[in-house]
C-alpha cells in the first residue's frame, strides 16, 4: 500500500535506541581468549608431538645399535674362543715337534757315550722337554764319573748332575746304581766357510 504525504511536511524520524557496548566487551574478550588459547594449545601439541616422534626415532636407532653391538660382541667372544683353541693346538704341535726333533740323534749320542764307558749299563731313560733322566748301574763309581765326563765332553749336554747313587752287593758282586739328569742342548750346526778357489799360478815370463 502506497502512502502519499499531501501536507508536504517531513515525517519525523524514529529515534534509534542506544546500544549497550559494555555488556558485549566481556564476550569479545572471552572469545579472543578461547581462540588464543586454542592456538597456543595447538602449537604446544604439535611441538610435543614432533619431539615425541624424534625421541621414538632415536630410541629405534639406539635399539638397532645395541642389537648390532651385541652381535659384534658375540662374534668377538667366538673368535676369542677359537683363538684359544688354536693356540693350544699350536703349542701341542710345537711340543711334539720339539720332543721328536733330535730323538734319533739323542739315542745315538747316549749309545756312543755308554759304549765308550767300561762296566756301565743303563736301565731307564726318560725325557721331559729338554731334561733327560737316566737310571743305570756300574761296576765301580769311577765308571759313573767317566760316563758323566763323556756326556759333558760330547757337547750335547750343558748340565749333568747326579740325583742319587747307591751301592749294592748282589751275590758277592759290588755294583753301584745311579740316577742323574742332564740338560739337552745340541750344538748349533756349524757352517763351514766356503774355501776360496785356488788361483792358477801364472808362470813368470823369462826376460
N, C-alpha and C. Protein backbone atom coordinates (compact mmCIF):
# COMPACT_ATOMS: atom_id res chain seq x y z
N UNK A 1 0.85 -1.20 0.00
CA UNK A 1 0.00 0.00 0.00
C UNK A 1 0.87 1.23 0.00
N UNK A 2 0.59 2.14 -0.89
CA UNK A 2 1.42 3.33 -1.04
C UNK A 2 0.77 4.49 -0.29
N UNK A 3 1.60 5.13 0.56
CA UNK A 3 1.10 6.32 1.29
C UNK A 3 1.66 7.58 0.66
N UNK A 4 0.77 8.61 0.53
CA UNK A 4 1.17 9.88 -0.10
C UNK A 4 1.02 10.97 0.94
N UNK A 5 2.11 11.75 1.12
CA UNK A 5 2.11 12.87 2.05
C UNK A 5 1.54 14.08 1.35
N UNK A 6 0.27 14.41 1.64
CA UNK A 6 -0.37 15.55 0.98
C UNK A 6 -0.04 16.86 1.67
N UNK A 7 0.43 16.79 2.92
CA UNK A 7 0.69 18.02 3.64
C UNK A 7 2.03 18.63 3.27
N UNK A 8 2.91 17.85 2.69
CA UNK A 8 4.21 18.39 2.30
C UNK A 8 5.16 18.53 3.45
N UNK A 9 4.86 17.94 4.57
CA UNK A 9 5.75 18.01 5.73
C UNK A 9 6.54 16.71 5.85
N UNK A 10 7.72 16.88 6.37
CA UNK A 10 8.58 15.72 6.57
C UNK A 10 8.14 14.99 7.82
N UNK A 11 8.14 13.68 7.65
CA UNK A 11 7.76 12.89 8.80
C UNK A 11 8.93 12.80 9.77
N UNK A 12 8.62 12.85 10.97
CA UNK A 12 9.71 12.75 11.96
C UNK A 12 10.32 11.32 11.95
N UNK A 13 11.66 11.32 12.00
CA UNK A 13 12.37 10.04 12.01
C UNK A 13 12.28 9.38 13.37
N UNK A 14 12.19 8.08 13.32
CA UNK A 14 12.10 7.35 14.59
C UNK A 14 13.47 7.39 15.30
N UNK A 15 13.43 7.63 16.55
CA UNK A 15 14.68 7.73 17.33
C UNK A 15 15.31 6.32 17.51
N UNK A 16 16.63 6.25 17.32
CA UNK A 16 17.37 4.98 17.47
C UNK A 16 17.67 4.71 18.94
N UNK A 17 17.53 3.47 19.29
CA UNK A 17 17.82 3.09 20.66
C UNK A 17 19.34 2.97 20.85
N UNK A 18 19.87 3.50 21.90
CA UNK A 18 21.32 3.39 22.15
C UNK A 18 21.73 1.92 22.44
N UNK A 19 22.87 1.51 21.83
CA UNK A 19 23.38 0.13 22.01
C UNK A 19 24.30 0.09 23.23
N UNK A 20 24.09 -0.88 24.10
CA UNK A 20 24.90 -1.04 25.32
C UNK A 20 26.16 -1.87 24.99
N UNK A 21 27.30 -1.22 24.75
CA UNK A 21 28.56 -1.92 24.39
C UNK A 21 29.25 -2.51 25.61
N UNK A 22 28.89 -2.06 26.77
CA UNK A 22 29.56 -2.59 27.97
C UNK A 22 29.28 -4.07 28.19
N UNK A 23 28.12 -4.52 27.81
CA UNK A 23 27.80 -5.93 28.00
C UNK A 23 28.46 -6.82 26.97
N UNK A 24 28.82 -6.29 25.77
CA UNK A 24 29.41 -7.11 24.70
C UNK A 24 30.92 -7.29 24.86
N UNK A 25 31.58 -6.36 25.54
CA UNK A 25 33.05 -6.45 25.67
C UNK A 25 33.51 -7.75 26.34
N UNK A 26 32.92 -8.18 27.46
CA UNK A 26 33.40 -9.44 28.06
C UNK A 26 33.27 -10.63 27.12
N UNK A 27 32.21 -10.67 26.35
CA UNK A 27 32.06 -11.78 25.41
C UNK A 27 33.15 -11.76 24.35
N UNK A 28 33.52 -10.55 23.92
CA UNK A 28 34.59 -10.43 22.92
C UNK A 28 35.91 -10.92 23.48
N UNK A 29 36.21 -10.47 24.70
CA UNK A 29 37.47 -10.89 25.32
C UNK A 29 37.50 -12.40 25.56
N UNK A 30 36.37 -12.94 25.97
CA UNK A 30 36.32 -14.39 26.21
C UNK A 30 36.54 -15.15 24.91
N UNK A 31 35.89 -14.68 23.84
CA UNK A 31 36.07 -15.35 22.55
C UNK A 31 37.51 -15.27 22.07
N UNK A 32 38.12 -14.05 22.23
CA UNK A 32 39.52 -13.89 21.81
C UNK A 32 40.44 -14.77 22.65
N UNK A 33 40.13 -14.87 23.97
CA UNK A 33 40.96 -15.74 24.82
C UNK A 33 40.84 -17.19 24.44
N UNK A 34 39.61 -17.60 24.10
CA UNK A 34 39.43 -19.00 23.70
C UNK A 34 40.20 -19.30 22.42
N UNK A 35 40.11 -18.36 21.45
CA UNK A 35 40.83 -18.57 20.19
C UNK A 35 42.34 -18.61 20.43
N UNK A 36 42.85 -17.63 21.24
CA UNK A 36 44.28 -17.59 21.52
C UNK A 36 44.75 -18.84 22.27
N UNK A 37 43.93 -19.26 23.26
CA UNK A 37 44.28 -20.48 23.99
C UNK A 37 44.30 -21.70 23.10
N UNK A 38 43.33 -21.76 22.15
CA UNK A 38 43.33 -22.88 21.22
C UNK A 38 44.57 -22.90 20.34
N UNK A 39 44.97 -21.69 19.89
CA UNK A 39 46.19 -21.62 19.08
C UNK A 39 47.43 -22.08 19.87
N UNK A 40 47.53 -21.60 21.14
CA UNK A 40 48.68 -21.98 21.97
C UNK A 40 48.69 -23.48 22.22
N UNK A 41 47.53 -24.03 22.56
CA UNK A 41 47.46 -25.47 22.82
C UNK A 41 47.78 -26.28 21.57
N UNK A 42 47.30 -25.79 20.41
CA UNK A 42 47.61 -26.48 19.17
C UNK A 42 49.11 -26.47 18.87
N UNK A 43 49.75 -25.30 19.13
CA UNK A 43 51.20 -25.21 18.91
C UNK A 43 51.95 -26.15 19.84
N UNK A 44 51.55 -26.12 21.11
CA UNK A 44 52.23 -26.99 22.07
C UNK A 44 52.00 -28.47 21.72
N UNK A 45 50.79 -28.81 21.29
CA UNK A 45 50.51 -30.20 20.94
C UNK A 45 51.38 -30.67 19.78
N UNK A 46 51.43 -29.87 18.73
CA UNK A 46 52.23 -30.27 17.57
C UNK A 46 53.73 -30.25 17.89
N UNK A 47 54.15 -29.33 18.78
CA UNK A 47 55.56 -29.29 19.18
C UNK A 47 55.93 -30.55 19.96
N UNK A 48 55.10 -30.91 20.96
CA UNK A 48 55.35 -32.12 21.74
C UNK A 48 55.25 -33.37 20.87
N UNK A 49 54.32 -33.34 19.93
CA UNK A 49 54.18 -34.49 19.04
C UNK A 49 55.44 -34.67 18.18
N UNK A 50 56.00 -33.55 17.73
CA UNK A 50 57.24 -33.62 16.95
C UNK A 50 58.40 -34.14 17.79
N UNK A 51 58.52 -33.64 19.04
CA UNK A 51 59.58 -34.11 19.93
C UNK A 51 59.41 -35.60 20.24
N UNK A 52 58.16 -36.01 20.44
CA UNK A 52 57.90 -37.42 20.72
C UNK A 52 58.30 -38.31 19.54
N UNK A 53 58.00 -37.85 18.35
CA UNK A 53 58.39 -38.60 17.15
C UNK A 53 59.90 -38.70 17.03
N UNK A 54 60.60 -37.58 17.32
CA UNK A 54 62.06 -37.60 17.26
C UNK A 54 62.65 -38.56 18.31
N UNK A 55 62.09 -38.53 19.53
CA UNK A 55 62.58 -39.42 20.57
C UNK A 55 62.32 -40.88 20.22
N UNK A 56 61.17 -41.16 19.64
CA UNK A 56 60.88 -42.54 19.24
C UNK A 56 61.85 -43.01 18.16
N UNK A 57 62.15 -42.13 17.20
CA UNK A 57 63.13 -42.49 16.16
C UNK A 57 64.52 -42.72 16.75
N UNK A 58 64.87 -41.88 17.74
CA UNK A 58 66.18 -42.04 18.39
C UNK A 58 66.24 -43.35 19.16
N UNK A 59 65.13 -43.69 19.84
CA UNK A 59 65.08 -44.96 20.57
C UNK A 59 65.23 -46.14 19.61
N UNK A 60 64.59 -46.06 18.45
CA UNK A 60 64.72 -47.11 17.46
C UNK A 60 66.17 -47.25 16.98
N UNK A 61 66.83 -46.10 16.75
CA UNK A 61 68.22 -46.13 16.30
C UNK A 61 69.13 -46.74 17.38
N UNK A 62 68.92 -46.31 18.64
CA UNK A 62 69.74 -46.85 19.72
C UNK A 62 69.50 -48.34 19.92
N UNK A 63 68.24 -48.76 19.76
CA UNK A 63 67.94 -50.19 19.88
C UNK A 63 68.62 -51.00 18.79
N UNK A 64 68.61 -50.44 17.56
CA UNK A 64 69.28 -51.12 16.45
C UNK A 64 70.79 -51.18 16.69
N UNK A 65 71.39 -50.09 17.21
CA UNK A 65 72.82 -50.08 17.51
C UNK A 65 73.15 -51.08 18.62
N UNK A 66 72.29 -51.17 19.63
CA UNK A 66 72.51 -52.12 20.72
C UNK A 66 72.49 -53.55 20.20
N UNK A 67 71.53 -53.86 19.32
CA UNK A 67 71.45 -55.20 18.74
C UNK A 67 72.70 -55.50 17.91
N UNK A 68 73.17 -54.50 17.16
CA UNK A 68 74.37 -54.69 16.35
C UNK A 68 75.60 -54.91 17.22
N UNK A 69 75.70 -54.12 18.31
CA UNK A 69 76.84 -54.28 19.21
C UNK A 69 76.82 -55.64 19.91
N UNK A 70 75.65 -56.11 20.27
CA UNK A 70 75.55 -57.44 20.88
C UNK A 70 75.99 -58.52 19.91
N UNK A 71 75.63 -58.36 18.63
CA UNK A 71 76.07 -59.34 17.62
C UNK A 71 77.58 -59.31 17.46
N UNK A 72 78.15 -58.10 17.43
CA UNK A 72 79.61 -57.97 17.31
C UNK A 72 80.30 -58.57 18.54
N UNK A 73 79.72 -58.33 19.73
CA UNK A 73 80.31 -58.88 20.96
C UNK A 73 80.31 -60.41 20.92
N UNK A 74 79.21 -61.00 20.46
CA UNK A 74 79.16 -62.46 20.36
C UNK A 74 80.19 -62.98 19.36
N UNK A 75 80.38 -62.27 18.25
CA UNK A 75 81.38 -62.68 17.27
C UNK A 75 82.78 -62.59 17.86
N UNK A 76 83.05 -61.52 18.62
CA UNK A 76 84.38 -61.36 19.24
C UNK A 76 84.63 -62.48 20.24
N UNK A 77 83.63 -62.80 21.07
CA UNK A 77 83.79 -63.88 22.03
C UNK A 77 84.02 -65.21 21.33
N UNK A 78 83.33 -65.43 20.22
CA UNK A 78 83.52 -66.67 19.46
C UNK A 78 84.93 -66.75 18.90
N UNK A 79 85.43 -65.62 18.34
CA UNK A 79 86.78 -65.60 17.80
C UNK A 79 87.83 -65.78 18.90
N UNK A 80 87.56 -65.23 20.09
CA UNK A 80 88.50 -65.41 21.20
C UNK A 80 88.58 -66.88 21.61
N UNK A 81 87.44 -67.56 21.66
CA UNK A 81 87.45 -68.99 21.98
C UNK A 81 88.18 -69.78 20.91
N UNK A 82 87.95 -69.45 19.64
CA UNK A 82 88.65 -70.14 18.55
C UNK A 82 90.15 -69.89 18.64
N UNK A 83 90.52 -68.66 19.02
CA UNK A 83 91.94 -68.33 19.15
C UNK A 83 92.59 -69.16 20.24
N UNK A 84 91.90 -69.31 21.38
CA UNK A 84 92.46 -70.11 22.47
C UNK A 84 92.62 -71.56 22.05
N UNK A 85 91.61 -72.09 21.35
CA UNK A 85 91.70 -73.48 20.90
C UNK A 85 92.86 -73.67 19.94
N UNK A 86 93.01 -72.74 18.99
CA UNK A 86 94.11 -72.83 18.03
C UNK A 86 95.46 -72.67 18.72
N UNK A 87 95.52 -71.79 19.74
CA UNK A 87 96.76 -71.60 20.47
C UNK A 87 97.18 -72.88 21.18
N UNK A 88 96.20 -73.57 21.79
CA UNK A 88 96.51 -74.84 22.46
C UNK A 88 97.00 -75.86 21.45
N UNK A 89 96.35 -75.90 20.30
CA UNK A 89 96.78 -76.86 19.27
C UNK A 89 98.18 -76.56 18.78
N UNK A 90 98.47 -75.27 18.57
CA UNK A 90 99.82 -74.89 18.11
C UNK A 90 100.86 -75.26 19.15
N UNK A 91 100.58 -74.97 20.42
CA UNK A 91 101.54 -75.30 21.47
C UNK A 91 101.74 -76.82 21.57
N UNK A 92 100.66 -77.59 21.38
CA UNK A 92 100.80 -79.05 21.42
C UNK A 92 101.67 -79.55 20.28
N UNK A 93 101.42 -79.01 19.08
CA UNK A 93 102.22 -79.43 17.92
C UNK A 93 103.68 -79.03 18.10
N UNK A 94 103.91 -77.82 18.62
CA UNK A 94 105.29 -77.38 18.85
C UNK A 94 105.98 -78.27 19.88
N UNK A 95 105.27 -78.65 20.93
CA UNK A 95 105.86 -79.51 21.95
C UNK A 95 106.21 -80.88 21.36
N UNK A 96 105.27 -81.44 20.59
CA UNK A 96 105.56 -82.73 19.95
C UNK A 96 106.73 -82.61 18.98
N UNK A 97 106.79 -81.49 18.28
CA UNK A 97 107.90 -81.30 17.34
C UNK A 97 109.22 -81.19 18.08
N UNK A 98 109.21 -80.46 19.23
CA UNK A 98 110.45 -80.35 20.00
C UNK A 98 110.88 -81.70 20.56
N UNK A 99 109.91 -82.47 21.04
CA UNK A 99 110.25 -83.77 21.60
C UNK A 99 110.73 -84.74 20.52
N UNK A 100 110.18 -84.59 19.32
CA UNK A 100 110.57 -85.51 18.26
C UNK A 100 111.89 -85.12 17.61
N UNK A 101 112.14 -83.81 17.54
CA UNK A 101 113.35 -83.35 16.88
C UNK A 101 114.59 -83.82 17.64
N UNK A 102 115.48 -84.41 16.94
CA UNK A 102 116.74 -84.87 17.54
C UNK A 102 116.61 -86.12 18.36
N UNK A 103 115.47 -86.84 18.28
CA UNK A 103 115.31 -88.05 19.08
C UNK A 103 116.31 -89.13 18.71
N UNK A 104 116.45 -89.42 17.44
CA UNK A 104 117.40 -90.44 16.99
C UNK A 104 118.83 -90.00 17.27
N UNK A 105 119.08 -88.72 17.07
CA UNK A 105 120.42 -88.20 17.35
C UNK A 105 120.75 -88.33 18.83
N UNK A 106 119.75 -88.10 19.70
CA UNK A 106 119.97 -88.24 21.14
C UNK A 106 120.28 -89.69 21.51
N UNK A 107 119.53 -90.62 20.96
CA UNK A 107 119.78 -92.03 21.24
C UNK A 107 121.17 -92.45 20.77
N UNK A 108 121.55 -91.99 19.60
CA UNK A 108 122.89 -92.33 19.09
C UNK A 108 123.97 -91.76 19.99
N UNK A 109 123.76 -90.53 20.47
CA UNK A 109 124.76 -89.90 21.33
C UNK A 109 124.90 -90.67 22.65
N UNK A 110 123.77 -91.06 23.27
CA UNK A 110 123.82 -91.81 24.53
C UNK A 110 124.46 -93.18 24.31
N UNK A 111 124.08 -93.84 23.20
CA UNK A 111 124.64 -95.17 22.94
C UNK A 111 126.15 -95.10 22.75
N UNK A 112 126.62 -94.09 22.03
CA UNK A 112 128.07 -93.96 21.83
C UNK A 112 128.79 -93.65 23.14
N UNK A 113 128.15 -92.83 23.99
CA UNK A 113 128.78 -92.49 25.27
C UNK A 113 128.86 -93.71 26.18
N UNK A 114 127.78 -94.52 26.20
CA UNK A 114 127.79 -95.72 27.03
C UNK A 114 128.81 -96.74 26.52
N UNK A 115 128.90 -96.87 25.21
CA UNK A 115 129.84 -97.85 24.65
C UNK A 115 131.29 -97.47 24.92
N UNK A 116 131.56 -96.21 25.14
CA UNK A 116 132.93 -95.78 25.44
C UNK A 116 133.24 -95.86 26.93
N UNK A 117 132.24 -96.20 27.74
CA UNK A 117 132.44 -96.30 29.18
C UNK A 117 132.40 -97.78 29.58
N UNK A 118 133.43 -98.25 30.26
CA UNK A 118 133.51 -99.66 30.65
C UNK A 118 132.67 -99.92 31.90
N UNK A 119 132.11 -101.14 31.94
CA UNK A 119 131.39 -101.64 33.12
C UNK A 119 130.25 -100.72 33.53
N UNK A 120 129.47 -100.26 32.55
CA UNK A 120 128.33 -99.38 32.84
C UNK A 120 127.21 -99.71 31.86
N UNK A 121 125.99 -99.75 32.37
CA UNK A 121 124.82 -100.00 31.53
C UNK A 121 123.64 -99.21 32.08
N UNK A 122 122.71 -98.89 31.18
CA UNK A 122 121.54 -98.08 31.53
C UNK A 122 120.31 -98.97 31.61
N UNK A 123 119.46 -98.68 32.59
CA UNK A 123 118.22 -99.44 32.76
C UNK A 123 116.96 -98.63 32.43
N UNK A 124 117.07 -97.32 32.44
CA UNK A 124 115.89 -96.50 32.13
C UNK A 124 116.35 -95.11 31.69
N UNK A 125 115.58 -94.55 30.77
CA UNK A 125 115.90 -93.20 30.29
C UNK A 125 114.59 -92.54 29.85
N UNK A 126 114.28 -91.39 30.43
CA UNK A 126 113.06 -90.64 30.08
C UNK A 126 113.44 -89.20 29.79
N UNK A 127 112.64 -88.62 28.89
CA UNK A 127 112.88 -87.23 28.50
C UNK A 127 111.64 -86.40 28.77
N UNK A 128 111.83 -85.25 29.42
CA UNK A 128 110.75 -84.29 29.67
C UNK A 128 111.22 -82.93 29.19
N UNK A 129 110.77 -82.55 28.02
CA UNK A 129 111.23 -81.29 27.45
C UNK A 129 112.70 -81.39 27.08
N UNK A 130 113.49 -80.53 27.68
CA UNK A 130 114.94 -80.54 27.44
C UNK A 130 115.70 -81.22 28.56
N UNK A 131 115.00 -81.90 29.47
CA UNK A 131 115.66 -82.59 30.58
C UNK A 131 115.62 -84.09 30.34
N UNK A 132 116.77 -84.72 30.50
CA UNK A 132 116.90 -86.17 30.31
C UNK A 132 117.23 -86.81 31.65
N UNK A 133 116.39 -87.77 32.07
CA UNK A 133 116.62 -88.51 33.31
C UNK A 133 117.12 -89.91 32.97
N UNK A 134 118.21 -90.30 33.61
CA UNK A 134 118.87 -91.57 33.30
C UNK A 134 119.02 -92.37 34.58
N UNK A 135 118.72 -93.65 34.50
CA UNK A 135 118.92 -94.59 35.61
C UNK A 135 119.80 -95.72 35.07
N UNK A 136 120.84 -96.07 35.83
CA UNK A 136 121.74 -97.12 35.37
C UNK A 136 122.53 -97.73 36.51
N UNK A 137 123.40 -98.64 36.14
CA UNK A 137 124.25 -99.33 37.11
C UNK A 137 125.66 -99.42 36.54
N UNK A 138 126.61 -99.61 37.45
CA UNK A 138 128.02 -99.74 37.04
C UNK A 138 128.75 -100.62 38.04
N UNK A 139 129.89 -101.09 37.61
CA UNK A 139 130.70 -101.94 38.48
C UNK A 139 131.53 -101.12 39.45
N UNK A 140 131.71 -99.85 39.19
CA UNK A 140 132.51 -99.01 40.09
C UNK A 140 132.02 -97.58 39.98
N UNK A 141 132.32 -96.82 40.99
CA UNK A 141 131.94 -95.41 41.00
C UNK A 141 132.73 -94.63 39.97
N UNK A 142 133.93 -95.13 39.65
CA UNK A 142 134.74 -94.46 38.63
C UNK A 142 134.08 -94.53 37.26
N UNK A 143 133.37 -95.61 36.99
CA UNK A 143 132.67 -95.72 35.70
C UNK A 143 131.58 -94.68 35.59
N UNK A 144 130.89 -94.42 36.68
CA UNK A 144 129.87 -93.38 36.67
C UNK A 144 130.49 -92.02 36.40
N UNK A 145 131.63 -91.75 37.06
CA UNK A 145 132.31 -90.47 36.85
C UNK A 145 132.79 -90.36 35.40
N UNK A 146 133.30 -91.45 34.84
CA UNK A 146 133.75 -91.40 33.44
C UNK A 146 132.57 -91.17 32.49
N UNK A 147 131.42 -91.76 32.82
CA UNK A 147 130.23 -91.57 31.98
C UNK A 147 129.78 -90.12 31.98
N UNK A 148 129.78 -89.50 33.17
CA UNK A 148 129.39 -88.09 33.27
C UNK A 148 130.37 -87.22 32.50
N UNK A 149 131.67 -87.52 32.63
CA UNK A 149 132.67 -86.74 31.90
C UNK A 149 132.49 -86.87 30.40
N UNK A 150 132.18 -88.08 29.93
CA UNK A 150 131.97 -88.29 28.49
C UNK A 150 130.74 -87.53 28.00
N UNK A 151 129.69 -87.47 28.81
CA UNK A 151 128.50 -86.72 28.41
C UNK A 151 128.79 -85.23 28.31
N UNK A 152 129.56 -84.70 29.25
CA UNK A 152 129.88 -83.29 29.20
C UNK A 152 130.76 -82.96 28.00
N UNK A 153 131.69 -83.85 27.69
CA UNK A 153 132.59 -83.59 26.58
C UNK A 153 131.91 -83.75 25.22
N UNK A 154 130.77 -84.42 25.18
CA UNK A 154 130.09 -84.63 23.91
C UNK A 154 129.58 -83.34 23.30
N UNK A 155 129.39 -82.31 24.12
CA UNK A 155 128.86 -81.05 23.62
C UNK A 155 127.36 -81.07 23.40
N UNK A 156 126.71 -82.19 23.72
CA UNK A 156 125.28 -82.33 23.52
C UNK A 156 124.49 -82.00 24.78
N UNK A 157 125.18 -81.92 25.91
CA UNK A 157 124.54 -81.68 27.20
C UNK A 157 125.25 -80.52 27.89
N UNK A 158 124.43 -79.62 28.47
CA UNK A 158 125.00 -78.48 29.18
C UNK A 158 125.28 -78.81 30.64
N UNK A 159 124.32 -79.45 31.30
CA UNK A 159 124.46 -79.76 32.72
C UNK A 159 124.19 -81.24 32.93
N UNK A 160 125.08 -81.88 33.66
CA UNK A 160 124.89 -83.28 34.03
C UNK A 160 125.06 -83.35 35.55
N UNK A 161 124.01 -83.72 36.26
CA UNK A 161 124.04 -83.74 37.73
C UNK A 161 123.53 -85.09 38.23
N UNK A 162 124.17 -85.58 39.30
CA UNK A 162 123.76 -86.84 39.91
C UNK A 162 122.66 -86.57 40.93
N UNK A 163 121.57 -87.30 40.82
CA UNK A 163 120.49 -87.20 41.80
C UNK A 163 120.69 -88.18 42.95
N UNK A 164 121.17 -89.39 42.64
CA UNK A 164 121.26 -90.41 43.68
C UNK A 164 122.26 -91.47 43.25
N UNK A 165 123.06 -91.95 44.19
CA UNK A 165 123.94 -93.10 43.97
C UNK A 165 123.78 -94.04 45.16
N UNK A 166 123.82 -95.33 44.86
CA UNK A 166 123.63 -96.31 45.92
C UNK A 166 124.47 -97.55 45.60
N UNK A 167 125.15 -98.05 46.64
CA UNK A 167 126.00 -99.23 46.48
C UNK A 167 125.21 -100.47 46.90
N UNK A 168 125.31 -101.52 46.09
CA UNK A 168 124.59 -102.76 46.36
C UNK A 168 125.55 -103.94 46.20
N UNK A 169 125.29 -104.99 46.98
CA UNK A 169 126.06 -106.24 46.90
C UNK A 169 125.10 -107.35 46.52
N UNK A 170 125.28 -107.90 45.33
CA UNK A 170 124.46 -108.98 44.85
C UNK A 170 125.35 -110.18 44.52
N UNK A 171 125.15 -111.24 45.28
CA UNK A 171 125.93 -112.46 45.08
C UNK A 171 127.43 -112.15 45.11
N UNK A 172 127.78 -111.40 46.18
CA UNK A 172 129.17 -111.02 46.41
C UNK A 172 129.75 -110.20 45.26
N UNK A 173 128.87 -109.54 44.51
CA UNK A 173 129.32 -108.66 43.43
C UNK A 173 128.89 -107.24 43.78
N UNK A 174 129.85 -106.36 43.83
CA UNK A 174 129.57 -104.97 44.21
C UNK A 174 129.16 -104.17 42.97
N UNK A 175 128.01 -103.53 43.07
CA UNK A 175 127.53 -102.68 41.97
C UNK A 175 127.06 -101.34 42.54
N UNK A 176 127.01 -100.38 41.65
CA UNK A 176 126.56 -99.03 42.02
C UNK A 176 125.39 -98.65 41.09
N UNK A 177 124.27 -98.32 41.69
CA UNK A 177 123.14 -97.80 40.93
C UNK A 177 123.13 -96.28 41.05
N UNK A 178 122.75 -95.63 39.99
CA UNK A 178 122.79 -94.17 39.98
C UNK A 178 121.60 -93.62 39.20
N UNK A 179 121.26 -92.39 39.57
CA UNK A 179 120.25 -91.61 38.86
C UNK A 179 120.84 -90.23 38.59
N UNK A 180 120.75 -89.80 37.37
CA UNK A 180 121.27 -88.48 37.03
C UNK A 180 120.34 -87.81 36.01
N UNK A 181 120.46 -86.52 35.93
CA UNK A 181 119.69 -85.76 34.95
C UNK A 181 120.63 -84.85 34.18
N UNK A 182 120.28 -84.59 32.94
CA UNK A 182 121.11 -83.78 32.07
C UNK A 182 120.21 -82.84 31.26
N UNK A 183 120.72 -81.68 30.98
CA UNK A 183 120.00 -80.70 30.16
C UNK A 183 120.47 -80.84 28.72
N UNK A 184 119.53 -81.15 27.86
CA UNK A 184 119.86 -81.37 26.45
C UNK A 184 120.04 -80.03 25.77
N UNK A 185 121.16 -79.85 25.11
CA UNK A 185 121.44 -78.63 24.37
C UNK A 185 122.33 -78.98 23.20
N UNK A 186 121.74 -79.49 22.10
CA UNK A 186 122.55 -79.87 20.95
C UNK A 186 123.25 -78.67 20.36
N UNK A 187 124.49 -78.81 19.95
CA UNK A 187 125.22 -77.68 19.37
C UNK A 187 124.59 -77.27 18.05
N UNK A 188 124.65 -75.98 17.78
CA UNK A 188 124.12 -75.48 16.51
C UNK A 188 124.98 -75.95 15.37
N UNK A 189 124.34 -76.18 14.26
CA UNK A 189 125.08 -76.65 13.09
C UNK A 189 126.06 -75.58 12.65
N UNK A 190 127.26 -75.99 12.54
CA UNK A 190 128.31 -75.06 12.16
C UNK A 190 128.49 -75.12 10.65
N UNK A 191 128.44 -73.97 10.07
CA UNK A 191 128.61 -73.88 8.63
C UNK A 191 130.07 -73.63 8.33
N UNK A 192 130.58 -74.46 7.46
CA UNK A 192 131.98 -74.32 7.10
C UNK A 192 132.11 -73.22 6.05
N UNK A 193 133.07 -72.35 6.23
CA UNK A 193 133.24 -71.29 5.23
C UNK A 193 133.68 -71.88 3.91
N UNK A 194 133.11 -71.33 2.87
CA UNK A 194 133.48 -71.82 1.54
C UNK A 194 134.93 -71.48 1.26
N UNK A 195 135.63 -72.48 0.82
CA UNK A 195 137.04 -72.28 0.53
C UNK A 195 137.20 -71.48 -0.74
N UNK A 196 138.14 -70.57 -0.71
CA UNK A 196 138.37 -69.71 -1.86
C UNK A 196 138.95 -70.53 -3.00
N UNK A 197 138.52 -70.30 -4.21
CA UNK A 197 139.07 -71.07 -5.34
C UNK A 197 140.55 -70.81 -5.53
N UNK A 198 141.20 -71.90 -5.80
CA UNK A 198 142.65 -71.79 -5.97
C UNK A 198 142.97 -71.01 -7.23
N UNK A 199 143.87 -70.12 -7.09
CA UNK A 199 144.28 -69.29 -8.23
C UNK A 199 145.38 -70.02 -9.01
N UNK A 200 145.18 -70.02 -10.28
CA UNK A 200 146.17 -70.65 -11.13
C UNK A 200 147.45 -69.83 -11.13
N UNK A 201 148.48 -70.51 -10.87
CA UNK A 201 149.78 -69.80 -10.85
C UNK A 201 150.15 -69.42 -12.26
N UNK A 202 150.56 -68.18 -12.43
CA UNK A 202 150.97 -67.68 -13.75
C UNK A 202 152.49 -67.78 -13.82
N UNK A 203 152.98 -68.55 -14.73
CA UNK A 203 154.45 -68.68 -14.82
C UNK A 203 155.09 -67.35 -15.17
N UNK A 204 156.19 -67.12 -14.52
CA UNK A 204 156.92 -65.87 -14.77
C UNK A 204 157.52 -65.91 -16.16
N UNK A 205 157.40 -64.79 -16.81
CA UNK A 205 157.99 -64.68 -18.16
C UNK A 205 159.50 -64.50 -18.08
N UNK A 206 160.13 -65.22 -18.94
CA UNK A 206 161.59 -65.09 -18.98
C UNK A 206 161.96 -63.81 -19.71
N UNK A 207 162.87 -63.08 -19.10
CA UNK A 207 163.27 -61.85 -19.73
C UNK A 207 164.32 -62.06 -20.80
